[in-house]
Full PDB file with SEQRES, HELIX, SHEET, SSBOND, CRYST1, ORIGX, SCALE, CONECT and MASTER records, all heavy atoms in Angstrom:
SEQRES   1 A   33  GLY ASP ARG GLU SER LEU GLN GLU LEU LEU ASP TRP MET          
SEQRES   2 A   33  GLU ALA GLN GLN GLY GLN TRP MET LEU GLY VAL ALA THR          
SEQRES   3 A   33  GLY ARG ALA PRO ALA LEU VAL                                  
HELIX    1 AA1 ARG A    3  ALA A   15  1                                  13    
HELIX    2 AA2 PRO A   30  LEU A   32  5                                   3    
CRYST1    1.000    1.000    1.000  90.00  90.00  90.00 P 1           1          
ORIGX1      1.000000  0.000000  0.000000        0.00000                         
ORIGX2      0.000000  1.000000  0.000000        0.00000                         
ORIGX3      0.000000  0.000000  1.000000        0.00000                         
SCALE1      1.000000  0.000000  0.000000        0.00000                         
SCALE2      0.000000  1.000000  0.000000        0.00000                         
SCALE3      0.000000  0.000000  1.000000        0.00000                         
ATOM      1  N   GLY A   1      70.176  18.867  36.323  1.00  0.00           N  
ATOM      2  CA  GLY A   1      69.397  19.901  36.909  1.00  0.00           C  
ATOM      3  C   GLY A   1      69.636  20.142  38.480  1.00  0.00           C  
ATOM      4  O   GLY A   1      69.451  21.220  38.949  1.00  0.00           O  
ATOM      5  N   ASP A   2      70.135  19.051  39.118  1.00  0.00           N  
ATOM      6  CA  ASP A   2      70.531  19.093  40.486  1.00  0.00           C  
ATOM      7  C   ASP A   2      71.867  18.291  40.735  1.00  0.00           C  
ATOM      8  O   ASP A   2      71.833  17.015  40.505  1.00  0.00           O  
ATOM      9  CB  ASP A   2      69.341  18.583  41.473  1.00  0.00           C  
ATOM     10  CG  ASP A   2      69.783  18.579  42.846  1.00  0.00           C  
ATOM     11  OD1 ASP A   2      69.960  19.630  43.445  1.00  0.00           O  
ATOM     12  OD2 ASP A   2      69.962  17.487  43.432  1.00  0.00           O  
ATOM     13  N   ARG A   3      72.983  18.956  41.099  1.00  0.00           N  
ATOM     14  CA  ARG A   3      74.149  18.184  41.240  1.00  0.00           C  
ATOM     15  C   ARG A   3      74.167  17.244  42.287  1.00  0.00           C  
ATOM     16  O   ARG A   3      74.754  16.125  42.190  1.00  0.00           O  
ATOM     17  CB  ARG A   3      75.244  19.180  41.363  1.00  0.00           C  
ATOM     18  CG  ARG A   3      75.594  20.042  40.084  1.00  0.00           C  
ATOM     19  CD  ARG A   3      76.809  20.882  40.154  1.00  0.00           C  
ATOM     20  NE  ARG A   3      76.992  21.731  38.982  1.00  0.00           N  
ATOM     21  CZ  ARG A   3      77.707  21.309  37.865  1.00  0.00           C  
ATOM     22  NH1 ARG A   3      78.171  19.987  37.845  1.00  0.00           N  
ATOM     23  NH2 ARG A   3      77.756  22.067  36.814  1.00  0.00           N  
ATOM     24  N   GLU A   4      73.554  17.533  43.389  1.00  0.00           N  
ATOM     25  CA  GLU A   4      73.491  16.581  44.598  1.00  0.00           C  
ATOM     26  C   GLU A   4      72.870  15.273  44.233  1.00  0.00           C  
ATOM     27  O   GLU A   4      73.350  14.135  44.386  1.00  0.00           O  
ATOM     28  CB  GLU A   4      72.922  17.181  45.783  1.00  0.00           C  
ATOM     29  CG  GLU A   4      72.982  16.420  46.974  1.00  0.00           C  
ATOM     30  CD  GLU A   4      72.429  17.115  48.244  1.00  0.00           C  
ATOM     31  OE1 GLU A   4      72.321  18.326  48.149  1.00  0.00           O  
ATOM     32  OE2 GLU A   4      72.092  16.419  49.208  1.00  0.00           O  
ATOM     33  N   SER A   5      71.688  15.310  43.654  1.00  0.00           N  
ATOM     34  CA  SER A   5      70.905  14.107  43.304  1.00  0.00           C  
ATOM     35  C   SER A   5      71.514  13.396  42.153  1.00  0.00           C  
ATOM     36  O   SER A   5      71.618  12.168  41.971  1.00  0.00           O  
ATOM     37  CB  SER A   5      69.485  14.494  43.016  1.00  0.00           C  
ATOM     38  OG  SER A   5      69.376  15.268  41.915  1.00  0.00           O  
ATOM     39  N   LEU A   6      72.278  14.207  41.125  1.00  0.00           N  
ATOM     40  CA  LEU A   6      72.967  13.431  40.145  1.00  0.00           C  
ATOM     41  C   LEU A   6      74.100  12.651  40.656  1.00  0.00           C  
ATOM     42  O   LEU A   6      74.241  11.419  40.245  1.00  0.00           O  
ATOM     43  CB  LEU A   6      73.474  14.575  39.135  1.00  0.00           C  
ATOM     44  CG  LEU A   6      74.479  14.092  38.114  1.00  0.00           C  
ATOM     45  CD1 LEU A   6      73.833  13.174  37.104  1.00  0.00           C  
ATOM     46  CD2 LEU A   6      75.146  15.272  37.377  1.00  0.00           C  
ATOM     47  N   GLN A   7      74.925  13.146  41.669  1.00  0.00           N  
ATOM     48  CA  GLN A   7      75.949  12.415  42.286  1.00  0.00           C  
ATOM     49  C   GLN A   7      75.473  11.162  42.927  1.00  0.00           C  
ATOM     50  O   GLN A   7      76.040  10.094  42.882  1.00  0.00           O  
ATOM     51  CB  GLN A   7      76.760  13.246  43.197  1.00  0.00           C  
ATOM     52  CG  GLN A   7      77.986  12.670  43.594  1.00  0.00           C  
ATOM     53  CD  GLN A   7      79.030  12.322  42.421  1.00  0.00           C  
ATOM     54  OE1 GLN A   7      79.308  13.111  41.551  1.00  0.00           O  
ATOM     55  NE2 GLN A   7      79.319  11.095  42.268  1.00  0.00           N  
ATOM     56  N   GLU A   8      74.345  11.333  43.607  1.00  0.00           N  
ATOM     57  CA  GLU A   8      73.655  10.256  44.352  1.00  0.00           C  
ATOM     58  C   GLU A   8      73.277   9.070  43.296  1.00  0.00           C  
ATOM     59  O   GLU A   8      73.544   7.926  43.541  1.00  0.00           O  
ATOM     60  CB  GLU A   8      72.457  10.672  45.028  1.00  0.00           C  
ATOM     61  CG  GLU A   8      71.795   9.533  45.862  1.00  0.00           C  
ATOM     62  CD  GLU A   8      70.559   9.912  46.640  1.00  0.00           C  
ATOM     63  OE1 GLU A   8      70.279  11.196  46.603  1.00  0.00           O  
ATOM     64  OE2 GLU A   8      69.875   9.171  47.246  1.00  0.00           O  
ATOM     65  N   LEU A   9      72.764   9.504  42.119  1.00  0.00           N  
ATOM     66  CA  LEU A   9      72.439   8.482  41.132  1.00  0.00           C  
ATOM     67  C   LEU A   9      73.693   7.903  40.477  1.00  0.00           C  
ATOM     68  O   LEU A   9      73.759   6.650  40.310  1.00  0.00           O  
ATOM     69  CB  LEU A   9      71.675   9.110  39.953  1.00  0.00           C  
ATOM     70  CG  LEU A   9      71.332   8.353  38.714  1.00  0.00           C  
ATOM     71  CD1 LEU A   9      70.467   7.025  39.218  1.00  0.00           C  
ATOM     72  CD2 LEU A   9      70.662   9.072  37.698  1.00  0.00           C  
ATOM     73  N   LEU A  10      74.798   8.690  40.256  1.00  0.00           N  
ATOM     74  CA  LEU A  10      76.011   8.135  39.669  1.00  0.00           C  
ATOM     75  C   LEU A  10      76.737   7.185  40.637  1.00  0.00           C  
ATOM     76  O   LEU A  10      77.237   6.209  40.366  1.00  0.00           O  
ATOM     77  CB  LEU A  10      76.994   9.228  39.389  1.00  0.00           C  
ATOM     78  CG  LEU A  10      76.577  10.188  38.139  1.00  0.00           C  
ATOM     79  CD1 LEU A  10      77.540  11.297  37.859  1.00  0.00           C  
ATOM     80  CD2 LEU A  10      76.364   9.284  36.920  1.00  0.00           C  
ATOM     81  N   ASP A  11      76.550   7.431  41.972  1.00  0.00           N  
ATOM     82  CA  ASP A  11      77.062   6.683  43.022  1.00  0.00           C  
ATOM     83  C   ASP A  11      76.363   5.347  43.109  1.00  0.00           C  
ATOM     84  O   ASP A  11      76.906   4.303  43.311  1.00  0.00           O  
ATOM     85  CB  ASP A  11      77.068   7.303  44.469  1.00  0.00           C  
ATOM     86  CG  ASP A  11      78.031   8.552  44.568  1.00  0.00           C  
ATOM     87  OD1 ASP A  11      78.873   8.583  43.679  1.00  0.00           O  
ATOM     88  OD2 ASP A  11      77.764   9.223  45.566  1.00  0.00           O  
ATOM     89  N   TRP A  12      75.054   5.425  42.898  1.00  0.00           N  
ATOM     90  CA  TRP A  12      74.215   4.149  42.863  1.00  0.00           C  
ATOM     91  C   TRP A  12      74.648   3.250  41.713  1.00  0.00           C  
ATOM     92  O   TRP A  12      74.918   2.058  41.800  1.00  0.00           O  
ATOM     93  CB  TRP A  12      72.827   4.452  42.778  1.00  0.00           C  
ATOM     94  CG  TRP A  12      71.899   3.245  42.633  1.00  0.00           C  
ATOM     95  CD1 TRP A  12      71.535   2.419  43.646  1.00  0.00           C  
ATOM     96  CD2 TRP A  12      71.333   2.659  41.529  1.00  0.00           C  
ATOM     97  NE1 TRP A  12      70.801   1.374  43.129  1.00  0.00           N  
ATOM     98  CE2 TRP A  12      70.616   1.494  41.766  1.00  0.00           C  
ATOM     99  CE3 TRP A  12      71.536   3.053  40.165  1.00  0.00           C  
ATOM    100  CZ2 TRP A  12      70.101   0.696  40.905  1.00  0.00           C  
ATOM    101  CZ3 TRP A  12      70.855   2.220  39.074  1.00  0.00           C  
ATOM    102  CH2 TRP A  12      70.108   1.059  39.565  1.00  0.00           C  
ATOM    103  N   MET A  13      74.875   3.960  40.489  1.00  0.00           N  
ATOM    104  CA  MET A  13      75.332   3.200  39.350  1.00  0.00           C  
ATOM    105  C   MET A  13      76.618   2.447  39.635  1.00  0.00           C  
ATOM    106  O   MET A  13      76.771   1.405  39.206  1.00  0.00           O  
ATOM    107  CB  MET A  13      75.438   4.171  38.063  1.00  0.00           C  
ATOM    108  CG  MET A  13      74.116   4.742  37.700  1.00  0.00           C  
ATOM    109  SD  MET A  13      73.039   3.531  36.873  1.00  0.00           S  
ATOM    110  CE  MET A  13      74.006   3.151  35.292  1.00  0.00           C  
ATOM    111  N   GLU A  14      77.520   3.225  40.181  1.00  0.00           N  
ATOM    112  CA  GLU A  14      78.901   2.660  40.454  1.00  0.00           C  
ATOM    113  C   GLU A  14      78.810   1.470  41.577  1.00  0.00           C  
ATOM    114  O   GLU A  14      79.460   0.485  41.298  1.00  0.00           O  
ATOM    115  CB  GLU A  14      79.908   3.741  40.955  1.00  0.00           C  
ATOM    116  CG  GLU A  14      81.225   3.253  41.189  1.00  0.00           C  
ATOM    117  CD  GLU A  14      82.145   4.460  41.634  1.00  0.00           C  
ATOM    118  OE1 GLU A  14      81.677   5.510  41.724  1.00  0.00           O  
ATOM    119  OE2 GLU A  14      83.395   4.134  41.945  1.00  0.00           O  
ATOM    120  N   ALA A  15      77.839   1.615  42.482  1.00  0.00           N  
ATOM    121  CA  ALA A  15      77.724   0.525  43.471  1.00  0.00           C  
ATOM    122  C   ALA A  15      77.182  -0.810  42.817  1.00  0.00           C  
ATOM    123  O   ALA A  15      77.347  -1.858  43.557  1.00  0.00           O  
ATOM    124  CB  ALA A  15      76.775   1.046  44.491  1.00  0.00           C  
ATOM    125  N   GLN A  16      76.629  -0.675  41.600  1.00  0.00           N  
ATOM    126  CA  GLN A  16      76.044  -1.879  40.996  1.00  0.00           C  
ATOM    127  C   GLN A  16      77.205  -2.735  40.354  1.00  0.00           C  
ATOM    128  O   GLN A  16      76.835  -3.740  39.860  1.00  0.00           O  
ATOM    129  CB  GLN A  16      75.104  -1.492  39.953  1.00  0.00           C  
ATOM    130  CG  GLN A  16      73.894  -0.704  40.373  1.00  0.00           C  
ATOM    131  CD  GLN A  16      73.310  -1.162  41.678  1.00  0.00           C  
ATOM    132  OE1 GLN A  16      72.774  -2.269  41.642  1.00  0.00           O  
ATOM    133  NE2 GLN A  16      73.357  -0.418  42.732  1.00  0.00           N  
ATOM    134  N   GLN A  17      78.347  -2.152  40.447  1.00  0.00           N  
ATOM    135  CA  GLN A  17      79.649  -2.885  39.979  1.00  0.00           C  
ATOM    136  C   GLN A  17      79.493  -3.482  38.453  1.00  0.00           C  
ATOM    137  O   GLN A  17      79.786  -4.601  38.163  1.00  0.00           O  
ATOM    138  CB  GLN A  17      79.947  -4.051  40.867  1.00  0.00           C  
ATOM    139  CG  GLN A  17      80.204  -3.600  42.278  1.00  0.00           C  
ATOM    140  CD  GLN A  17      80.583  -4.648  43.252  1.00  0.00           C  
ATOM    141  OE1 GLN A  17      80.060  -5.800  43.108  1.00  0.00           O  
ATOM    142  NE2 GLN A  17      81.484  -4.520  44.218  1.00  0.00           N  
ATOM    143  N   GLY A  18      78.912  -2.545  37.637  1.00  0.00           N  
ATOM    144  CA  GLY A  18      78.881  -2.956  36.261  1.00  0.00           C  
ATOM    145  C   GLY A  18      77.620  -3.649  35.816  1.00  0.00           C  
ATOM    146  O   GLY A  18      77.436  -3.970  34.669  1.00  0.00           O  
ATOM    147  N   GLN A  19      76.731  -3.923  36.766  1.00  0.00           N  
ATOM    148  CA  GLN A  19      75.406  -4.637  36.462  1.00  0.00           C  
ATOM    149  C   GLN A  19      74.440  -3.779  35.655  1.00  0.00           C  
ATOM    150  O   GLN A  19      73.626  -4.264  35.035  1.00  0.00           O  
ATOM    151  CB  GLN A  19      74.812  -5.174  37.745  1.00  0.00           C  
ATOM    152  CG  GLN A  19      75.577  -6.271  38.460  1.00  0.00           C  
ATOM    153  CD  GLN A  19      75.536  -7.545  37.557  1.00  0.00           C  
ATOM    154  OE1 GLN A  19      74.425  -7.996  37.304  1.00  0.00           O  
ATOM    155  NE2 GLN A  19      76.631  -8.087  37.127  1.00  0.00           N  
ATOM    156  N   TRP A  20      74.636  -2.423  35.958  1.00  0.00           N  
ATOM    157  CA  TRP A  20      73.851  -1.446  35.163  1.00  0.00           C  
ATOM    158  C   TRP A  20      74.608  -0.561  34.329  1.00  0.00           C  
ATOM    159  O   TRP A  20      75.703  -0.098  34.674  1.00  0.00           O  
ATOM    160  CB  TRP A  20      72.976  -0.601  36.165  1.00  0.00           C  
ATOM    161  CG  TRP A  20      71.712  -1.378  36.717  1.00  0.00           C  
ATOM    162  CD1 TRP A  20      71.619  -2.389  37.536  1.00  0.00           C  
ATOM    163  CD2 TRP A  20      70.422  -1.177  36.176  1.00  0.00           C  
ATOM    164  NE1 TRP A  20      70.432  -2.821  37.762  1.00  0.00           N  
ATOM    165  CE2 TRP A  20      69.576  -2.229  36.885  1.00  0.00           C  
ATOM    166  CE3 TRP A  20      69.768  -0.405  35.250  1.00  0.00           C  
ATOM    167  CZ2 TRP A  20      68.105  -2.274  36.664  1.00  0.00           C  
ATOM    168  CZ3 TRP A  20      68.379  -0.484  35.007  1.00  0.00           C  
ATOM    169  CH2 TRP A  20      67.701  -1.389  35.775  1.00  0.00           C  
ATOM    170  N   MET A  21      74.100  -0.226  33.183  1.00  0.00           N  
ATOM    171  CA  MET A  21      74.801   0.655  32.221  1.00  0.00           C  
ATOM    172  C   MET A  21      73.949   1.899  31.991  1.00  0.00           C  
ATOM    173  O   MET A  21      72.689   1.781  31.853  1.00  0.00           O  
ATOM    174  CB  MET A  21      75.098   0.051  30.820  1.00  0.00           C  
ATOM    175  CG  MET A  21      75.642   0.966  29.881  1.00  0.00           C  
ATOM    176  SD  MET A  21      75.887   0.220  28.206  1.00  0.00           S  
ATOM    177  CE  MET A  21      77.097  -0.943  28.541  1.00  0.00           C  
ATOM    178  N   LEU A  22      74.443   3.083  32.026  1.00  0.00           N  
ATOM    179  CA  LEU A  22      73.865   4.316  31.806  1.00  0.00           C  
ATOM    180  C   LEU A  22      73.897   4.755  30.434  1.00  0.00           C  
ATOM    181  O   LEU A  22      74.969   4.861  29.761  1.00  0.00           O  
ATOM    182  CB  LEU A  22      74.416   5.445  32.722  1.00  0.00           C  
ATOM    183  CG  LEU A  22      73.716   6.818  32.485  1.00  0.00           C  
ATOM    184  CD1 LEU A  22      72.220   6.853  33.043  1.00  0.00           C  
ATOM    185  CD2 LEU A  22      74.599   7.875  33.146  1.00  0.00           C  
ATOM    186  N   GLY A  23      72.670   5.046  29.795  1.00  0.00           N  
ATOM    187  CA  GLY A  23      72.522   5.516  28.360  1.00  0.00           C  
ATOM    188  C   GLY A  23      71.760   6.835  28.442  1.00  0.00           C  
ATOM    189  O   GLY A  23      71.070   7.082  29.318  1.00  0.00           O  
ATOM    190  N   VAL A  24      71.696   7.479  27.319  1.00  0.00           N  
ATOM    191  CA  VAL A  24      70.990   8.743  27.240  1.00  0.00           C  
ATOM    192  C   VAL A  24      70.152   8.749  25.938  1.00  0.00           C  
ATOM    193  O   VAL A  24      70.439   8.094  24.927  1.00  0.00           O  
ATOM    194  CB  VAL A  24      71.871  10.022  27.202  1.00  0.00           C  
ATOM    195  CG1 VAL A  24      72.578  10.098  28.533  1.00  0.00           C  
ATOM    196  CG2 VAL A  24      72.745  10.083  26.053  1.00  0.00           C  
ATOM    197  N   ALA A  25      68.991   9.389  26.062  1.00  0.00           N  
ATOM    198  CA  ALA A  25      68.120   9.589  24.871  1.00  0.00           C  
ATOM    199  C   ALA A  25      67.753  11.106  24.980  1.00  0.00           C  
ATOM    200  O   ALA A  25      67.036  11.492  25.849  1.00  0.00           O  
ATOM    201  CB  ALA A  25      66.855   8.782  24.866  1.00  0.00           C  
ATOM    202  N   THR A  26      68.222  11.867  24.113  1.00  0.00           N  
ATOM    203  CA  THR A  26      68.327  13.345  24.196  1.00  0.00           C  
ATOM    204  C   THR A  26      67.874  14.150  22.947  1.00  0.00           C  
ATOM    205  O   THR A  26      68.080  13.462  21.867  1.00  0.00           O  
ATOM    206  CB  THR A  26      69.682  13.838  24.748  1.00  0.00           C  
ATOM    207  OG1 THR A  26      69.668  15.220  24.821  1.00  0.00           O  
ATOM    208  CG2 THR A  26      70.788  13.344  23.873  1.00  0.00           C  
ATOM    209  N   GLY A  27      67.454  15.285  23.062  1.00  0.00           N  
ATOM    210  CA  GLY A  27      67.361  16.176  21.900  1.00  0.00           C  
ATOM    211  C   GLY A  27      68.744  16.784  21.555  1.00  0.00           C  
ATOM    212  O   GLY A  27      68.737  17.320  20.438  1.00  0.00           O  
ATOM    213  N   ARG A  28      69.688  16.635  22.276  1.00  0.00           N  
ATOM    214  CA  ARG A  28      70.955  17.315  21.965  1.00  0.00           C  
ATOM    215  C   ARG A  28      71.679  16.532  20.797  1.00  0.00           C  
ATOM    216  O   ARG A  28      71.539  15.304  20.697  1.00  0.00           O  
ATOM    217  CB  ARG A  28      71.895  17.289  23.095  1.00  0.00           C  
ATOM    218  CG  ARG A  28      71.546  18.278  24.263  1.00  0.00           C  
ATOM    219  CD  ARG A  28      72.372  18.132  25.435  1.00  0.00           C  
ATOM    220  NE  ARG A  28      72.274  19.210  26.472  1.00  0.00           N  
ATOM    221  CZ  ARG A  28      73.076  20.248  26.590  1.00  0.00           C  
ATOM    222  NH1 ARG A  28      74.123  20.359  25.894  1.00  0.00           N  
ATOM    223  NH2 ARG A  28      72.764  21.154  27.509  1.00  0.00           N  
ATOM    224  N   ALA A  29      72.454  17.270  19.998  1.00  0.00           N  
ATOM    225  CA  ALA A  29      73.415  16.582  19.038  1.00  0.00           C  
ATOM    226  C   ALA A  29      74.467  15.961  19.825  1.00  0.00           C  
ATOM    227  O   ALA A  29      74.844  16.368  20.988  1.00  0.00           O  
ATOM    228  CB  ALA A  29      73.846  17.639  18.139  1.00  0.00           C  
ATOM    229  N   PRO A  30      75.111  14.951  19.226  1.00  0.00           N  
ATOM    230  CA  PRO A  30      76.205  14.383  19.921  1.00  0.00           C  
ATOM    231  C   PRO A  30      77.242  15.237  20.530  1.00  0.00           C  
ATOM    232  O   PRO A  30      77.760  15.091  21.772  1.00  0.00           O  
ATOM    233  CB  PRO A  30      76.858  13.342  18.873  1.00  0.00           C  
ATOM    234  CG  PRO A  30      75.671  13.060  18.089  1.00  0.00           C  
ATOM    235  CD  PRO A  30      74.842  14.252  17.995  1.00  0.00           C  
ATOM    236  N   ALA A  31      77.755  16.222  19.758  1.00  0.00           N  
ATOM    237  CA  ALA A  31      78.788  17.089  20.393  1.00  0.00           C  
ATOM    238  C   ALA A  31      78.284  17.854  21.433  1.00  0.00           C  
ATOM    239  O   ALA A  31      79.144  18.121  22.459  1.00  0.00           O  
ATOM    240  CB  ALA A  31      79.226  18.183  19.167  1.00  0.00           C  
ATOM    241  N   LEU A  32      77.158  18.167  21.569  1.00  0.00           N  
ATOM    242  CA  LEU A  32      76.595  18.813  22.844  1.00  0.00           C  
ATOM    243  C   LEU A  32      76.362  17.910  23.916  1.00  0.00           C  
ATOM    244  O   LEU A  32      76.376  18.408  25.135  1.00  0.00           O  
ATOM    245  CB  LEU A  32      75.210  19.601  22.392  1.00  0.00           C  
ATOM    246  CG  LEU A  32      75.380  20.672  21.301  1.00  0.00           C  
ATOM    247  CD1 LEU A  32      73.924  21.244  21.132  1.00  0.00           C  
ATOM    248  CD2 LEU A  32      76.212  21.741  21.754  1.00  0.00           C  
ATOM    249  N   VAL A  33      76.158  16.601  23.745  1.00  0.00           N  
ATOM    250  CA  VAL A  33      76.052  15.625  24.754  1.00  0.00           C  
ATOM    251  C   VAL A  33      77.578  15.646  25.408  1.00  0.00           C  
ATOM    252  O   VAL A  33      77.616  15.612  26.678  1.00  0.00           O  
ATOM    253  CB  VAL A  33      75.739  14.255  24.265  1.00  0.00           C  
ATOM    254  CG1 VAL A  33      75.888  13.248  25.475  1.00  0.00           C  
ATOM    255  CG2 VAL A  33      74.351  14.260  23.691  1.00  0.00           C  
TER     256      VAL A  33                                                      
MASTER        0    0    0    2    0    0    0    6  255    1    0    3          
END                                                                             
């Protein structure tokens, strides 16, 4: 919804050096993910 805050979140995930994993729970079908 907001590219700037998304990138901030992805940067935080990367800074965790693999300690945190990102998963999704969505209404989208896999192909649309």
